[in-house]
Amino acid sequence: MNLIIPLPLLADADPYQVGEKAFELGVIFRHGIRVPRSLCITKDAYEMYVRSTGLMERISLELGRKDFRDMRWEELWDASLRIRGMFLNTAMPSALVKNIRDPIEGLFGNRPVDVRSSALGEDYTSASFAGLHESYLNIKGIYSILDHIRLVWASLWSDAALLHCKELELDVHHGTMAVIVQGHIAGRESGLIFAKDPAYGGQAVIEAFYSLDERFADGMGEQERWVIDRATGTVISHEGAVQGKACAPSVSEDPLGDLRPGLNKVPSLSGEEVREIYRLALKVEAIFGSPKDVEWTFDGTDLYTLQSLPISASSGKAFGDSRDSHLGMGRGFENIKQLKVRIEDELIPEMMKEAASLSHTDLTALSDDELAGEILERTATYQAWERAYGKYFLPFAHGMRLFGRVYNDTLRPHDPYEFMDLLRSADMLCIERNARLEHLAEQVRQSPALANALRDGRETSGFPLFDNELTCFMNTFGDLSCSGALCGREGDVVRGVILKLALKPMAVEQPRTLSMEDLEEYYLSFFPEERKCFARDLLHLARASCRLRDGDSIYLGRFKGHLATALDEGRRRLSGRLPKIRDADIPKVLKGAAFMPSQEPEFTDDIWENRFTLRARQLVGQPAGSGIANGPARVILHEKDLIDFNTGEIIVCDALEASMTFIIPLASGIVERSGALLIHGAVIAREYGLPCVTGVPEAMSLIKSGEQVTVDGYLGIVIIHDQ
């Protein structure tokens, strides 16, 4: 078993032992190209670690909760979070430490190093993993180096890498990882040269950034760009020289610092340096017989090659349309801060203004043709905001993701979800909504006459305080049902929920063992003084992300509700001629009586329920909210099912949207087909202290309303009891 291979011997090593990245570095070094002093920790060290500690079996169990092909990205992140926690809390065996510590100390002494991934097969052109595994720069001290080797190993199971495996249908269990330990160079300029531009084969491209940090390739800062004609070697174009930031040598999530005055006014590379980098790319291309992407840095006047990578997916097909999703999963601190400003200062005010304007339209006063136009316009508006939701709001959820990673990497908690406790103070919109419902319910408890009026379905105008607050509630949050036609008068859903809350026994609130101030102080105590400001800012960003993860879908739900109201008006007008009609056909029929809508059979509960005949007893998902609860299931197949929800029932749904969470105070547990920690159901379950299991395949078909179920939020198990 060969655990360490030094740089001079890497060219003779088996690429399946050291990884393509380390092997190519050795070949480059052998051909006389300047490379920082380096060594490779082979895959044998990784395999010795995961097998001797039992990690391999635990990883297999984690990824075996459901069919890997059916896991959504949130579930992959959840699994990755737990797997990373295993690596963080599982020390290297002493025999392994002894075998790799001495060669590292012997080569580098006390000098800082970079710890880079070299996963086996990670950079082959047919299935490139470039950028999906971790590298750490400027690591000092042998025990910190050993710690970061484990983090590089853990990145083999990152959510982005798992998603990539899923999309390319690769066997996730056959991955393994070698690691390059390389002397750190705090270069004055660094960057990449793409020896052959994937879009324009006759060109090479240099991207440069002041100082050295892996994250310059993730779009965190501005890069200068030179385009070079491969046929002549002349510079075709140059963009840049406007950089305002530089990457400082740091392991911080926020490495950008202000650029020295004057540097942003001149190109970071001279003409001769551009030509030297291009000659380097041609030399590497000649060595391997194909163009490469080469990462470089200048140490004074000396040009160093840090790594060489194949030009991945030159046609764009290996990543397909999903490359943005992979990079999106690695959004940095600065990028998420920019999203926050865009969402809070521009998008939400615009959404609220546009949604409010739709409330003023009297649909009953419109002609059929005008109503058809209104439906089409509302459909387009809803779809436009859905696209904005996917582009801006969903990526902002990575604020929680980034905070969780920094929290776990720094504090090493036994519970990988412990960081969520610090986000519970976020001012969540659905919590405010439910608190106002509870306030209205308390008025009902205090007035039997008001309770009787609600129970009998009578008007509440004789109770002006209640009636005014109810009107104010509906003006702010809508009718809860998204469609008043579901149960008659506008507001009937709200009145029904208030009555159920009033009749529910008052729960005794359990005091929290630590206050939010104590939790925050504990979290900050793990950071050195120079990083406390970053740690505090990251916490505030995560809380805003958590708050928006709740509120954004409520805002979007208002547009869905306005569209549903217009469709209901159209359906009401056509009910005499067409008792059943698809939503898409309603405006067509309103515009012209000659239109014949399709007669496709509608999906019914009976069709759903008859698809399965097997009797399930125990279902496995992702543990997302600790605790155990028992009660009758209430399967939410349609929006109307929310109206029938009763106190003490277990919510079983596809995904608990923010518009549905008004039933949470009545529930005793949550089961979702979708997963995992970052989905709204898990966030709100932890806020209310409800047991929650997410990512349960076919939960809505294998569980029937009324069946007695037990939800184990510790193990991620749902038990269906015999009736």
Foldseek 3Di string as FASTA:
>chain_A
DDFKAWLCCLCVDDCQWFAPWSNLSSLCVVVPAFAFGKMKGTLVLVVCFCVVQVLLVVLCVLCVQDPLLPADLQSLQQSLLVSLLVLLPRDGPPVSCVVPLVVVCVRQPFAFKKKAKRKHPCFDQLQHVPPQFDIAFRQGDSVSVSSVNSRRQSSLSHSLNSVSCSVLVHDSSPITIMMMIGGHFFFQKKWKKQLAQLVHRQKIKTWMAGTDDPCVVLVPWDTKMWIAGNVPRDTPDIDALQTQWHAGGDRDLDRTDGDDPPSSNDDPDDPVRSSVVNVVQVVSCVSVVHGWMWIWGDRPNRIHTHTTGHPHPSVCPSCPPCPVVSSLLVDTDSRLVVLLCCCPVPVVVVLVVVLLVLVPDDLVPDALLVLLVVLVVLVVVLVVVVVVCVVRLVSNLCLLVVLLVVLCSQVSDPDSCVVLVLLLVQPAPLVVLLVLLLVLLVVCLVDVVQLVCLVVVHDPVVPVVSVVSLVVSCSVQNQLLLECVLDDDRNNLSSLLSSQSNPDPDDDDDDDPDDSVRVLVVSLVSDPPVCSVVSVVSSVSNSSSLNSLQVVLSSSSSSSSSSNHSLVVLCVVCCVPPVDADSVCSSVCSNDVVDDGDDDDDDDPVVLQPPDDDADFKWFFAQQFADKAKDFEQEPPDSSSLSVDHAAYEYEYQACHSSSCSCVVRYQAYEHLHDDNSGNVSSVCNSVRHGYAYNTHPRNRNHDGGFMWMGHSVRRMIGTDDD
